[in-house]
Amino acid sequence: MMLFTEVRGLPVVPSAAGAEPLGTVASLDVDVSSGGVSQVRLRGRRLRRETALAWEAVETIGPGTVRVRSGARPEPAPDGHDLLGHRVLTEAGTSHGTVLDVAFDPATGRLLAVFTTRGEVSPVRLTGLGDHALVVRTA
C-alpha cells in the first residue's frame, strides 16, 4: 500500500540505465469507474508544464523513484482533477469533508481507500469526480 502524498514529488525515471529523469510526480489522476489510477502527471524539468503518462507505463514505484518503461514519453496533460484537497459530497448533496489522502496498490494502481476529513471512504462508493466535488454513494 502507498499513499498519494508519498508519491508526489518523486522523480520519474525511465528504466534504461543512465536515462535522465522525465520530471517529478505532480499528482495522480483517478478513473472513478475503474477504481484505479489512470495517469501519472509530471512537472517537466525544462518546460515546467504538466505532462502525463498512462498508468500502464509505470513499472515500479519506490523507494524514492517512479520507474517507467524506457520507451514511455509524456504527452500533454489532459484536463483532470487532483483528488487531494477535493470536496467530497454524497449523492444526496451532503458534505463528507475534503480528501486528505488516497491509499492505492503501487503494483496495480487500484484504489484501496480515500481518507477524508470526516473519515475513510471505500473506493467502491465513488461515483463521480468533477470540478466541484468527488461524489460518493451514501453509506
N, C-alpha and C. Protein backbone atom coordinates (compact mmCIF):
# COMPACT_ATOMS: atom_id res chain seq x y z
N MET A 1 0.85 -1.18 0.00
CA MET A 1 0.00 0.00 0.00
C MET A 1 0.89 1.24 0.00
N MET A 2 0.42 2.27 -0.70
CA MET A 2 1.14 3.53 -0.78
C MET A 2 0.11 4.66 -0.78
N LEU A 3 0.51 5.82 -0.36
CA LEU A 3 -0.37 6.99 -0.34
C LEU A 3 -0.01 7.96 -1.45
N PHE A 4 -1.01 8.66 -1.97
CA PHE A 4 -0.77 9.67 -3.00
C PHE A 4 0.27 10.69 -2.52
N THR A 5 0.18 11.10 -1.24
CA THR A 5 1.11 12.11 -0.73
C THR A 5 2.55 11.60 -0.70
N GLU A 6 2.74 10.28 -0.65
CA GLU A 6 4.09 9.71 -0.67
C GLU A 6 4.70 9.74 -2.07
N VAL A 7 3.85 9.76 -3.08
CA VAL A 7 4.32 9.71 -4.46
C VAL A 7 4.62 11.11 -5.01
N ARG A 8 3.88 12.10 -4.54
CA ARG A 8 4.10 13.47 -5.01
C ARG A 8 5.55 13.87 -4.82
N GLY A 9 6.11 14.46 -5.88
CA GLY A 9 7.49 14.95 -5.81
C GLY A 9 8.55 13.93 -6.14
N LEU A 10 8.17 12.65 -6.30
CA LEU A 10 9.18 11.65 -6.65
C LEU A 10 9.64 11.85 -8.09
N PRO A 11 10.93 11.61 -8.37
CA PRO A 11 11.40 11.69 -9.75
C PRO A 11 10.84 10.53 -10.57
N VAL A 12 10.53 10.80 -11.83
CA VAL A 12 10.05 9.78 -12.77
C VAL A 12 11.19 9.50 -13.73
N VAL A 13 11.67 8.24 -13.71
CA VAL A 13 12.88 7.87 -14.43
C VAL A 13 12.61 6.68 -15.35
N PRO A 14 13.05 6.76 -16.61
CA PRO A 14 12.95 5.58 -17.47
C PRO A 14 13.83 4.46 -16.93
N SER A 15 13.44 3.21 -17.18
CA SER A 15 14.17 2.07 -16.62
C SER A 15 15.51 1.82 -17.29
N ALA A 16 15.77 2.41 -18.44
CA ALA A 16 17.06 2.24 -19.12
C ALA A 16 18.18 2.85 -18.27
N ALA A 17 19.28 2.14 -18.19
CA ALA A 17 20.42 2.61 -17.40
C ALA A 17 20.90 3.96 -17.92
N GLY A 18 21.14 4.88 -17.00
CA GLY A 18 21.69 6.18 -17.36
C GLY A 18 20.70 7.18 -17.93
N ALA A 19 19.43 6.80 -18.01
CA ALA A 19 18.42 7.71 -18.57
C ALA A 19 18.16 8.86 -17.60
N GLU A 20 17.93 10.04 -18.16
CA GLU A 20 17.64 11.21 -17.33
C GLU A 20 16.19 11.20 -16.89
N PRO A 21 15.91 11.74 -15.70
CA PRO A 21 14.53 11.83 -15.22
C PRO A 21 13.65 12.61 -16.21
N LEU A 22 12.40 12.19 -16.30
CA LEU A 22 11.44 12.87 -17.17
C LEU A 22 10.80 14.06 -16.46
N GLY A 23 10.88 14.07 -15.14
CA GLY A 23 10.28 15.11 -14.33
C GLY A 23 9.96 14.55 -12.96
N THR A 24 9.09 15.23 -12.23
CA THR A 24 8.66 14.76 -10.91
C THR A 24 7.15 14.61 -10.90
N VAL A 25 6.66 13.73 -10.05
CA VAL A 25 5.22 13.48 -9.95
C VAL A 25 4.53 14.72 -9.36
N ALA A 26 3.58 15.26 -10.12
CA ALA A 26 2.77 16.38 -9.64
C ALA A 26 1.51 15.85 -8.95
N SER A 27 0.90 14.82 -9.55
CA SER A 27 -0.30 14.22 -8.98
C SER A 27 -0.61 12.93 -9.72
N LEU A 28 -1.60 12.22 -9.22
CA LEU A 28 -2.09 11.00 -9.86
C LEU A 28 -3.55 11.23 -10.23
N ASP A 29 -3.90 10.92 -11.48
CA ASP A 29 -5.29 11.02 -11.93
C ASP A 29 -5.99 9.69 -11.64
N VAL A 30 -7.27 9.79 -11.31
CA VAL A 30 -8.07 8.62 -10.96
C VAL A 30 -9.19 8.45 -11.96
N ASP A 31 -9.44 7.19 -12.33
CA ASP A 31 -10.62 6.83 -13.12
C ASP A 31 -11.61 6.25 -12.13
N VAL A 32 -12.63 7.02 -11.80
CA VAL A 32 -13.60 6.62 -10.78
C VAL A 32 -14.32 5.33 -11.17
N SER A 33 -14.64 5.17 -12.45
CA SER A 33 -15.40 3.99 -12.87
C SER A 33 -14.61 2.69 -12.69
N SER A 34 -13.30 2.72 -12.89
CA SER A 34 -12.50 1.51 -12.71
C SER A 34 -11.94 1.40 -11.29
N GLY A 35 -11.95 2.51 -10.55
CA GLY A 35 -11.43 2.49 -9.18
C GLY A 35 -9.92 2.41 -9.12
N GLY A 36 -9.26 3.03 -10.10
CA GLY A 36 -7.80 2.96 -10.12
C GLY A 36 -7.15 4.22 -10.65
N VAL A 37 -5.84 4.26 -10.52
CA VAL A 37 -5.05 5.36 -11.06
C VAL A 37 -5.01 5.21 -12.57
N SER A 38 -5.26 6.29 -13.29
CA SER A 38 -5.25 6.22 -14.75
C SER A 38 -4.01 6.87 -15.36
N GLN A 39 -3.48 7.90 -14.69
CA GLN A 39 -2.32 8.60 -15.22
C GLN A 39 -1.45 9.14 -14.11
N VAL A 40 -0.18 9.32 -14.45
CA VAL A 40 0.77 10.00 -13.58
C VAL A 40 1.04 11.35 -14.23
N ARG A 41 0.73 12.42 -13.51
CA ARG A 41 1.02 13.77 -14.01
C ARG A 41 2.40 14.19 -13.53
N LEU A 42 3.18 14.75 -14.45
CA LEU A 42 4.54 15.15 -14.11
C LEU A 42 4.76 16.63 -14.38
N ARG A 43 5.66 17.19 -13.62
CA ARG A 43 6.18 18.51 -13.92
C ARG A 43 7.51 18.26 -14.59
N GLY A 44 7.64 18.81 -15.80
CA GLY A 44 8.86 18.61 -16.56
C GLY A 44 10.03 19.38 -15.99
N ARG A 45 11.20 18.92 -16.31
CA ARG A 45 12.41 19.57 -15.83
C ARG A 45 12.68 20.86 -16.57
N ARG A 46 12.43 20.87 -17.84
CA ARG A 46 12.80 22.03 -18.65
C ARG A 46 11.64 22.99 -18.90
N LEU A 47 10.52 22.46 -19.31
CA LEU A 47 9.41 23.32 -19.73
C LEU A 47 8.51 23.75 -18.58
N ARG A 48 8.59 23.09 -17.45
CA ARG A 48 7.80 23.42 -16.26
C ARG A 48 6.29 23.30 -16.47
N ARG A 49 5.87 22.69 -17.53
CA ARG A 49 4.44 22.46 -17.72
C ARG A 49 4.13 21.02 -17.39
N GLU A 50 2.86 20.75 -17.06
CA GLU A 50 2.48 19.39 -16.72
C GLU A 50 2.28 18.54 -17.97
N THR A 51 2.78 17.32 -17.87
CA THR A 51 2.55 16.30 -18.89
C THR A 51 2.00 15.08 -18.15
N ALA A 52 1.64 14.05 -18.90
CA ALA A 52 1.07 12.86 -18.27
C ALA A 52 1.57 11.60 -18.95
N LEU A 53 1.68 10.56 -18.14
CA LEU A 53 1.98 9.22 -18.62
C LEU A 53 0.83 8.31 -18.21
N ALA A 54 0.44 7.41 -19.10
CA ALA A 54 -0.59 6.43 -18.75
C ALA A 54 -0.05 5.53 -17.64
N TRP A 55 -0.92 5.09 -16.74
CA TRP A 55 -0.52 4.24 -15.63
C TRP A 55 0.20 2.99 -16.15
N GLU A 56 -0.20 2.50 -17.30
CA GLU A 56 0.40 1.28 -17.86
C GLU A 56 1.89 1.43 -18.12
N ALA A 57 2.40 2.66 -18.22
CA ALA A 57 3.83 2.89 -18.45
C ALA A 57 4.66 2.70 -17.18
N VAL A 58 4.01 2.69 -16.02
CA VAL A 58 4.72 2.56 -14.75
C VAL A 58 5.17 1.11 -14.55
N GLU A 59 6.46 0.96 -14.26
CA GLU A 59 7.00 -0.37 -13.94
C GLU A 59 7.02 -0.59 -12.44
N THR A 60 7.59 0.36 -11.69
CA THR A 60 7.65 0.24 -10.24
C THR A 60 7.59 1.62 -9.60
N ILE A 61 7.14 1.63 -8.35
CA ILE A 61 7.16 2.85 -7.55
C ILE A 61 7.91 2.53 -6.27
N GLY A 62 8.95 3.32 -6.00
CA GLY A 62 9.70 3.23 -4.76
C GLY A 62 10.94 2.38 -4.89
N PRO A 63 11.83 2.47 -3.96
CA PRO A 63 11.90 3.55 -2.97
C PRO A 63 12.50 4.80 -3.59
N GLY A 64 11.83 5.89 -3.41
CA GLY A 64 12.33 7.20 -3.82
C GLY A 64 12.26 7.55 -5.28
N THR A 65 11.63 6.70 -6.09
CA THR A 65 11.54 6.99 -7.52
C THR A 65 10.38 6.22 -8.16
N VAL A 66 9.90 6.75 -9.26
CA VAL A 66 8.91 6.06 -10.09
C VAL A 66 9.63 5.65 -11.36
N ARG A 67 9.72 4.36 -11.61
CA ARG A 67 10.37 3.86 -12.82
C ARG A 67 9.31 3.55 -13.86
N VAL A 68 9.57 4.02 -15.10
CA VAL A 68 8.63 3.79 -16.20
C VAL A 68 9.36 3.09 -17.34
N ARG A 69 8.56 2.48 -18.22
CA ARG A 69 9.15 1.81 -19.39
C ARG A 69 10.04 2.78 -20.15
N SER A 70 11.14 2.30 -20.66
CA SER A 70 12.12 3.15 -21.34
C SER A 70 11.53 3.91 -22.52
N GLY A 71 10.62 3.31 -23.25
CA GLY A 71 10.04 3.98 -24.42
C GLY A 71 8.92 4.95 -24.10
N ALA A 72 8.54 5.02 -22.85
CA ALA A 72 7.40 5.87 -22.45
C ALA A 72 7.77 7.34 -22.58
N ARG A 73 6.90 8.08 -23.25
CA ARG A 73 7.11 9.52 -23.41
C ARG A 73 5.89 10.25 -22.91
N PRO A 74 6.09 11.24 -22.06
CA PRO A 74 4.95 12.00 -21.56
C PRO A 74 4.24 12.75 -22.69
N GLU A 75 2.92 12.82 -22.58
CA GLU A 75 2.07 13.55 -23.52
C GLU A 75 1.55 14.79 -22.81
N PRO A 76 1.05 15.78 -23.55
CA PRO A 76 0.42 16.92 -22.87
C PRO A 76 -0.68 16.42 -21.94
N ALA A 77 -0.72 16.97 -20.76
CA ALA A 77 -1.70 16.53 -19.76
C ALA A 77 -3.10 16.96 -20.14
N PRO A 78 -4.04 16.01 -20.20
CA PRO A 78 -5.44 16.36 -20.46
C PRO A 78 -6.03 17.02 -19.22
N ASP A 79 -7.22 17.59 -19.38
CA ASP A 79 -7.90 18.13 -18.21
C ASP A 79 -8.10 17.01 -17.20
N GLY A 80 -7.90 17.34 -15.96
CA GLY A 80 -8.06 16.34 -14.91
C GLY A 80 -8.23 17.04 -13.58
N HIS A 81 -8.48 16.26 -12.57
CA HIS A 81 -8.70 16.81 -11.24
C HIS A 81 -7.81 16.09 -10.24
N ASP A 82 -7.07 16.86 -9.48
CA ASP A 82 -6.27 16.29 -8.41
C ASP A 82 -7.22 15.95 -7.27
N LEU A 83 -7.26 14.70 -6.90
CA LEU A 83 -8.19 14.24 -5.86
C LEU A 83 -7.87 14.85 -4.50
N LEU A 84 -6.59 15.06 -4.22
CA LEU A 84 -6.20 15.62 -2.92
C LEU A 84 -6.74 17.04 -2.78
N GLY A 85 -7.39 17.29 -1.65
CA GLY A 85 -7.96 18.61 -1.40
C GLY A 85 -9.34 18.82 -1.99
N HIS A 86 -9.84 17.82 -2.73
CA HIS A 86 -11.15 17.93 -3.37
C HIS A 86 -12.26 17.78 -2.34
N ARG A 87 -13.32 18.54 -2.51
CA ARG A 87 -14.50 18.43 -1.66
C ARG A 87 -15.19 17.09 -1.94
N VAL A 88 -15.80 16.49 -0.91
CA VAL A 88 -16.50 15.22 -1.05
C VAL A 88 -17.96 15.43 -0.71
N LEU A 89 -18.86 15.01 -1.61
CA LEU A 89 -20.30 15.10 -1.40
C LEU A 89 -20.92 13.73 -1.63
N THR A 90 -21.99 13.44 -0.87
CA THR A 90 -22.75 12.23 -1.14
C THR A 90 -23.68 12.51 -2.32
N GLU A 91 -24.29 11.46 -2.85
CA GLU A 91 -25.25 11.63 -3.96
C GLU A 91 -26.40 12.54 -3.55
N ALA A 92 -26.71 12.59 -2.26
CA ALA A 92 -27.79 13.43 -1.76
C ALA A 92 -27.34 14.87 -1.54
N GLY A 93 -26.04 15.15 -1.75
CA GLY A 93 -25.54 16.50 -1.59
C GLY A 93 -25.00 16.83 -0.22
N THR A 94 -24.92 15.84 0.66
CA THR A 94 -24.40 16.05 2.00
C THR A 94 -22.87 16.06 1.97
N SER A 95 -22.29 17.03 2.65
CA SER A 95 -20.84 17.13 2.69
C SER A 95 -20.24 15.96 3.46
N HIS A 96 -19.16 15.43 2.91
CA HIS A 96 -18.41 14.38 3.59
C HIS A 96 -16.95 14.83 3.74
N GLY A 97 -16.75 16.15 3.87
CA GLY A 97 -15.42 16.68 4.11
C GLY A 97 -14.61 16.91 2.86
N THR A 98 -13.30 16.80 3.02
CA THR A 98 -12.33 17.05 1.96
C THR A 98 -11.35 15.88 1.91
N VAL A 99 -10.87 15.54 0.72
CA VAL A 99 -9.92 14.44 0.57
C VAL A 99 -8.56 14.85 1.13
N LEU A 100 -8.08 14.07 2.11
CA LEU A 100 -6.76 14.29 2.69
C LEU A 100 -5.70 13.46 1.99
N ASP A 101 -6.04 12.20 1.66
CA ASP A 101 -5.09 11.30 1.03
C ASP A 101 -5.83 10.12 0.43
N VAL A 102 -5.13 9.36 -0.39
CA VAL A 102 -5.70 8.18 -1.03
C VAL A 102 -4.67 7.05 -0.95
N ALA A 103 -5.08 5.89 -0.48
CA ALA A 103 -4.23 4.70 -0.45
C ALA A 103 -4.47 3.91 -1.72
N PHE A 104 -3.39 3.39 -2.31
CA PHE A 104 -3.52 2.60 -3.53
C PHE A 104 -2.45 1.52 -3.55
N ASP A 105 -2.68 0.54 -4.41
CA ASP A 105 -1.72 -0.55 -4.60
C ASP A 105 -0.73 -0.09 -5.67
N PRO A 106 0.55 0.09 -5.33
CA PRO A 106 1.50 0.61 -6.31
C PRO A 106 1.80 -0.35 -7.47
N ALA A 107 1.47 -1.62 -7.31
CA ALA A 107 1.69 -2.58 -8.39
C ALA A 107 0.59 -2.52 -9.44
N THR A 108 -0.65 -2.27 -8.99
CA THR A 108 -1.79 -2.32 -9.92
C THR A 108 -2.45 -0.96 -10.14
N GLY A 109 -2.23 -0.02 -9.23
CA GLY A 109 -2.90 1.27 -9.32
C GLY A 109 -4.30 1.27 -8.74
N ARG A 110 -4.75 0.12 -8.22
CA ARG A 110 -6.10 0.01 -7.66
C ARG A 110 -6.21 0.82 -6.38
N LEU A 111 -7.29 1.62 -6.27
CA LEU A 111 -7.52 2.39 -5.06
C LEU A 111 -7.94 1.47 -3.93
N LEU A 112 -7.41 1.75 -2.73
CA LEU A 112 -7.73 0.93 -1.56
C LEU A 112 -8.59 1.68 -0.56
N ALA A 113 -8.39 3.00 -0.44
CA ALA A 113 -9.18 3.81 0.49
C ALA A 113 -8.98 5.28 0.18
N VAL A 114 -10.03 6.06 0.43
CA VAL A 114 -9.96 7.51 0.31
C VAL A 114 -10.13 8.06 1.72
N PHE A 115 -9.16 8.82 2.20
CA PHE A 115 -9.20 9.37 3.54
C PHE A 115 -9.66 10.82 3.46
N THR A 116 -10.75 11.13 4.17
CA THR A 116 -11.30 12.48 4.15
C THR A 116 -11.24 13.06 5.56
N THR A 117 -11.56 14.33 5.65
CA THR A 117 -11.60 14.98 6.96
C THR A 117 -12.71 14.42 7.83
N ARG A 118 -13.61 13.63 7.25
CA ARG A 118 -14.72 13.05 8.03
C ARG A 118 -14.67 11.53 8.05
N GLY A 119 -13.52 10.96 7.76
CA GLY A 119 -13.38 9.51 7.84
C GLY A 119 -12.97 8.88 6.52
N GLU A 120 -12.89 7.57 6.55
CA GLU A 120 -12.47 6.80 5.39
C GLU A 120 -13.66 6.47 4.49
N VAL A 121 -13.42 6.51 3.18
CA VAL A 121 -14.45 6.17 2.19
C VAL A 121 -13.90 5.02 1.34
N SER A 122 -14.68 3.98 1.20
CA SER A 122 -14.29 2.85 0.35
C SER A 122 -14.34 3.28 -1.11
N PRO A 123 -13.37 2.87 -1.92
CA PRO A 123 -13.39 3.23 -3.34
C PRO A 123 -14.61 2.72 -4.11
N VAL A 124 -15.28 1.67 -3.61
CA VAL A 124 -16.47 1.17 -4.29
C VAL A 124 -17.63 2.17 -4.19
N ARG A 125 -17.52 3.13 -3.29
CA ARG A 125 -18.57 4.14 -3.13
C ARG A 125 -18.39 5.33 -4.07
N LEU A 126 -17.27 5.44 -4.77
CA LEU A 126 -17.03 6.57 -5.66
C LEU A 126 -17.94 6.49 -6.88
N THR A 127 -18.60 7.61 -7.20
CA THR A 127 -19.48 7.61 -8.38
C THR A 127 -19.08 8.65 -9.42
N GLY A 128 -18.39 9.71 -9.02
CA GLY A 128 -18.00 10.72 -9.99
C GLY A 128 -17.00 11.70 -9.42
N LEU A 129 -16.26 12.34 -10.33
CA LEU A 129 -15.28 13.35 -9.95
C LEU A 129 -15.36 14.47 -10.97
N GLY A 130 -15.60 15.67 -10.48
CA GLY A 130 -15.71 16.81 -11.37
C GLY A 130 -15.03 18.03 -10.79
N ASP A 131 -15.30 19.18 -11.39
CA ASP A 131 -14.70 20.43 -10.93
C ASP A 131 -15.13 20.76 -9.50
N HIS A 132 -16.36 20.46 -9.19
CA HIS A 132 -16.94 20.87 -7.91
C HIS A 132 -16.64 19.91 -6.77
N ALA A 133 -16.69 18.61 -7.02
CA ALA A 133 -16.54 17.65 -5.92
C ALA A 133 -16.31 16.22 -6.40
N LEU A 134 -15.86 15.41 -5.46
CA LEU A 134 -15.85 13.96 -5.60
C LEU A 134 -17.20 13.50 -5.05
N VAL A 135 -17.97 12.75 -5.83
CA VAL A 135 -19.29 12.30 -5.40
C VAL A 135 -19.20 10.83 -5.00
N VAL A 136 -19.80 10.53 -3.83
CA VAL A 136 -19.78 9.16 -3.30
C VAL A 136 -21.20 8.70 -3.00
N ARG A 137 -21.41 7.39 -3.07
CA ARG A 137 -22.70 6.82 -2.69
C ARG A 137 -22.89 6.99 -1.19
N THR A 138 -24.11 7.20 -0.78
CA THR A 138 -24.43 7.28 0.63
C THR A 138 -24.19 5.93 1.28
N ALA A 139 -23.55 5.95 2.44
CA ALA A 139 -23.19 4.68 3.11
C ALA A 139 -24.43 3.91 3.53
